[in-house]
Amino acid sequence: MLEYFIVKYGYFALFAGSLLEGELVLIVAGFLAHLGLFNWPWVVAVALVGTIVSDQFYFYLGRKRGRQFLEKRPKWQLRLEKTQTLLDKHQNLILVGFRFLYQFRAIIPFAFGLSPMRTEKFLIWNIAGALAWTVLWTGGGYFFGNTLAALFTDFKRFQTEAVYGIIILALLIWLIYFLWKKLKFKKHV
C-alpha cells in the first residue's frame, strides 16, 4: 500500500517540496530511491525542474512586481537589505551558489530580479547551480540510505515505519523552525 502511494504521488510531492527550501525533501527522496521506491534519475530530474521553476518565479516576481511586493512585506525588505550587501561584494559567486545559503534562497533570485541582470544570464547560472544542489542533496540521501542498509540488514521489514518516521521528523523540524522564525520576526518588528 505504501509503495503504491509513493509511486503514485511521490514525484508530485517531491516537485512540490522542491519548490520550497527543501534540502530535507531532497534527502528523503534520495533515501527512498535507495530503498527502490523512487528512481534516482527521476528524483534528480523532478527536483531539478521544481528548483528551477521556484527560482525563476522569484526572479520574475522581483523583475515585474518587486517594489510593490516589498511595500507589503517588511520581513522581505529586511532580508533584501542583508542580501544586497552580499550581492554587491560577491555577485558572481552568489549567482552560482545562492541556493546553498539557507534562508536566502527565495530572496536572492528576487534581488537579482530587481537588478539590471539579463534574464538569460540568471537562467543559465540558475540551471547550473540547481543541478549541483539537486545532485548533492538527493545523492546524499541515496548514499546515506546505503549506509543505513549496511547497518540494518533487515531494513525492508521496517521500511514503512522508517518512511513514516522520516516524514514525521521532517514535519516536526519544519514546524519548530517555522514557529521559531515567527517569534524571532515578531521581536524585530
Protein backbone atom coordinates (compact mmCIF):
# COMPACT_ATOMS: atom_id res chain seq x y z
CA MET A 1 0.00 0.00 0.00
CA LEU A 2 2.74 2.47 0.97
CA GLU A 3 4.78 1.65 -2.12
CA TYR A 4 1.73 2.26 -4.32
CA PHE A 5 1.10 5.64 -2.64
CA ILE A 6 4.72 6.73 -3.02
CA VAL A 7 4.93 5.63 -6.65
CA LYS A 8 1.62 7.31 -7.49
CA TYR A 9 2.04 10.60 -5.58
CA GLY A 10 5.70 10.65 -4.63
CA TYR A 11 7.11 12.56 -7.58
CA PHE A 12 4.38 15.19 -7.30
CA ALA A 13 5.19 15.57 -3.59
CA LEU A 14 8.88 15.83 -4.50
CA PHE A 15 8.16 18.54 -7.06
CA ALA A 16 6.04 20.50 -4.56
CA GLY A 17 8.70 20.12 -1.86
CA SER A 18 11.47 21.26 -4.16
CA LEU A 19 9.57 24.48 -4.85
CA LEU A 20 10.23 25.40 -1.22
CA GLU A 21 13.51 25.49 0.64
CA GLY A 22 13.69 21.72 0.51
CA GLU A 23 17.02 20.10 1.36
CA LEU A 24 15.20 17.69 3.63
CA VAL A 25 12.71 16.78 0.91
CA LEU A 26 15.56 16.01 -1.47
CA ILE A 27 17.44 13.96 1.11
CA VAL A 28 14.30 11.92 1.87
CA ALA A 29 13.64 11.42 -1.85
CA GLY A 30 17.22 10.21 -2.36
CA PHE A 31 16.80 7.86 0.59
CA LEU A 32 13.55 6.50 -0.87
CA ALA A 33 15.35 5.99 -4.18
CA HIS A 34 17.90 3.90 -2.35
CA LEU A 35 15.05 1.78 -0.98
CA GLY A 36 13.80 1.27 -4.51
CA LEU A 37 10.62 3.31 -4.03
CA PHE A 38 11.82 6.06 -6.39
CA ASN A 39 14.04 6.05 -9.44
CA TRP A 40 17.08 8.20 -8.63
CA PRO A 41 17.46 9.81 -12.10
CA TRP A 42 13.77 10.75 -11.95
CA VAL A 43 14.25 12.14 -8.44
CA VAL A 44 17.05 14.37 -9.74
CA ALA A 45 15.04 15.44 -12.80
CA VAL A 46 11.84 16.26 -10.89
CA ALA A 47 13.69 18.09 -8.11
CA LEU A 48 15.78 19.99 -10.66
CA VAL A 49 12.69 21.21 -12.52
CA GLY A 50 10.97 22.20 -9.26
CA THR A 51 14.03 24.08 -8.06
CA ILE A 52 14.48 25.96 -11.33
CA VAL A 53 10.77 26.85 -11.52
CA SER A 54 10.85 28.19 -7.96
CA ASP A 55 13.96 30.31 -8.52
CA GLN A 56 12.68 31.68 -11.82
CA PHE A 57 9.37 32.55 -10.16
CA TYR A 58 11.14 34.66 -7.53
CA PHE A 59 13.35 36.24 -10.19
CA TYR A 60 10.30 37.26 -12.24
CA LEU A 61 8.47 38.41 -9.12
CA GLY A 62 11.38 40.75 -8.41
CA ARG A 63 11.53 41.86 -12.03
CA LYS A 64 7.79 42.54 -12.51
CA ARG A 65 6.40 43.36 -9.06
CA GLY A 66 9.48 44.00 -6.95
CA ARG A 67 8.82 47.30 -5.21
CA GLN A 68 5.05 46.74 -4.88
CA PHE A 69 5.71 43.33 -3.33
CA LEU A 70 8.22 44.73 -0.83
CA GLU A 71 5.93 47.53 0.35
CA LYS A 72 3.56 44.94 1.82
CA ARG A 73 6.24 42.69 3.32
CA PRO A 74 8.60 44.29 5.85
CA LYS A 75 10.22 40.92 6.56
CA TRP A 76 11.34 40.64 2.94
CA GLN A 77 12.56 44.25 2.97
CA LEU A 78 14.81 43.45 5.93
CA ARG A 79 16.19 40.33 4.20
CA LEU A 80 16.70 42.24 0.97
CA GLU A 81 18.90 44.79 2.73
CA LYS A 82 21.14 41.99 4.06
CA THR A 83 21.14 40.29 0.67
CA GLN A 84 22.08 43.44 -1.21
CA THR A 85 25.33 43.69 0.73
CA LEU A 86 26.22 40.13 -0.30
CA LEU A 87 25.32 40.77 -3.93
CA ASP A 88 27.39 43.94 -4.09
CA LYS A 89 30.51 42.11 -2.89
CA HIS A 90 30.13 38.65 -4.46
CA GLN A 91 27.60 38.77 -7.31
CA ASN A 92 29.04 36.00 -9.50
CA LEU A 93 29.69 33.63 -6.61
CA ILE A 94 26.22 34.24 -5.19
CA LEU A 95 24.67 33.74 -8.62
CA VAL A 96 26.00 30.18 -8.80
CA GLY A 97 25.73 29.17 -5.16
CA PHE A 98 22.82 31.11 -3.66
CA ARG A 99 20.66 28.06 -3.02
CA PHE A 100 23.34 26.80 -0.61
CA LEU A 101 22.75 29.90 1.56
CA TYR A 102 19.98 28.69 3.81
CA GLN A 103 17.10 31.18 4.31
CA PHE A 104 18.23 33.31 1.37
CA ARG A 105 17.15 31.02 -1.45
CA ALA A 106 13.95 32.95 -2.23
CA ILE A 107 15.18 36.47 -1.61
CA ILE A 108 18.35 36.21 -3.72
CA PRO A 109 16.58 35.41 -7.02
CA PHE A 110 14.12 38.16 -6.10
CA ALA A 111 17.03 40.58 -5.61
CA PHE A 112 18.54 39.55 -8.95
CA GLY A 113 15.13 40.25 -10.50
CA LEU A 114 15.31 43.79 -9.13
CA SER A 115 18.76 44.25 -10.63
CA PRO A 116 19.56 45.03 -14.28
CA MET A 117 20.88 41.47 -14.76
CA ARG A 118 19.79 39.88 -18.03
CA THR A 119 17.18 37.14 -17.65
CA GLU A 120 19.22 34.75 -19.83
CA LYS A 121 22.28 35.09 -17.60
CA PHE A 122 20.25 34.34 -14.49
CA LEU A 123 18.58 31.34 -16.14
CA ILE A 124 21.86 29.77 -17.30
CA TRP A 125 23.55 30.11 -13.91
CA ASN A 126 20.35 29.11 -12.13
CA ILE A 127 20.29 25.82 -14.06
CA ALA A 128 23.96 25.13 -13.28
CA GLY A 129 23.57 25.87 -9.57
CA ALA A 130 20.29 23.97 -9.32
CA LEU A 131 21.85 20.90 -10.91
CA ALA A 132 24.73 20.89 -8.41
CA TRP A 133 22.37 21.47 -5.46
CA THR A 134 19.92 18.78 -6.55
CA VAL A 135 22.55 16.13 -7.21
CA LEU A 136 24.30 16.90 -3.91
CA TRP A 137 21.21 16.57 -1.68
CA THR A 138 19.46 13.69 -3.48
CA GLY A 139 22.78 11.88 -3.82
CA GLY A 140 23.44 12.43 -0.14
CA GLY A 141 20.10 10.85 0.72
CA TYR A 142 20.75 7.99 -1.65
CA PHE A 143 24.19 7.19 -0.24
CA PHE A 144 23.04 7.78 3.35
CA GLY A 145 20.42 5.13 2.59
CA ASN A 146 23.22 2.82 1.54
CA THR A 147 24.87 3.32 4.93
CA LEU A 148 21.62 2.63 6.77
CA ALA A 149 21.04 -0.51 4.74
CA ALA A 150 24.51 -1.74 5.70
CA LEU A 151 23.78 -1.10 9.38
CA PHE A 152 20.37 -2.73 9.30
CA THR A 153 20.48 -5.80 7.09
CA ASP A 154 16.79 -6.46 7.63
CA PHE A 155 15.77 -2.86 6.89
CA LYS A 156 13.00 -3.88 4.49
CA ARG A 157 10.99 -5.15 7.47
CA PHE A 158 10.91 -1.63 8.99
CA GLN A 159 10.55 0.27 5.74
CA THR A 160 7.03 1.59 6.37
CA GLU A 161 7.86 2.74 9.90
CA ALA A 162 11.09 4.36 8.71
CA VAL A 163 9.36 6.30 5.95
CA TYR A 164 6.63 7.50 8.31
CA GLY A 165 9.24 8.36 10.93
CA ILE A 166 11.26 10.41 8.44
CA ILE A 167 8.15 12.25 7.28
CA ILE A 168 7.04 12.98 10.85
CA LEU A 169 10.55 14.10 11.82
CA ALA A 170 10.74 16.38 8.77
CA LEU A 171 7.36 17.93 9.62
CA LEU A 172 8.38 18.47 13.26
CA ILE A 173 11.64 20.12 12.24
CA TRP A 174 9.78 22.35 9.80
CA LEU A 175 7.13 23.26 12.43
CA ILE A 176 9.75 24.12 15.05
CA TYR A 177 11.70 26.19 12.54
CA PHE A 178 8.54 27.96 11.34
CA LEU A 179 7.45 28.85 14.90
CA TRP A 180 10.96 29.97 15.82
CA LYS A 181 11.11 32.27 12.79
CA LYS A 182 7.69 33.74 13.60
CA LEU A 183 8.74 34.51 17.17
CA LYS A 184 12.11 35.89 16.06
CA PHE A 185 10.49 38.14 13.45
CA LYS A 186 7.91 39.49 15.92
CA LYS A 187 10.75 40.57 18.23
CA HIS A 188 12.32 42.62 15.39
CA VAL A 189 9.11 44.36 14.31
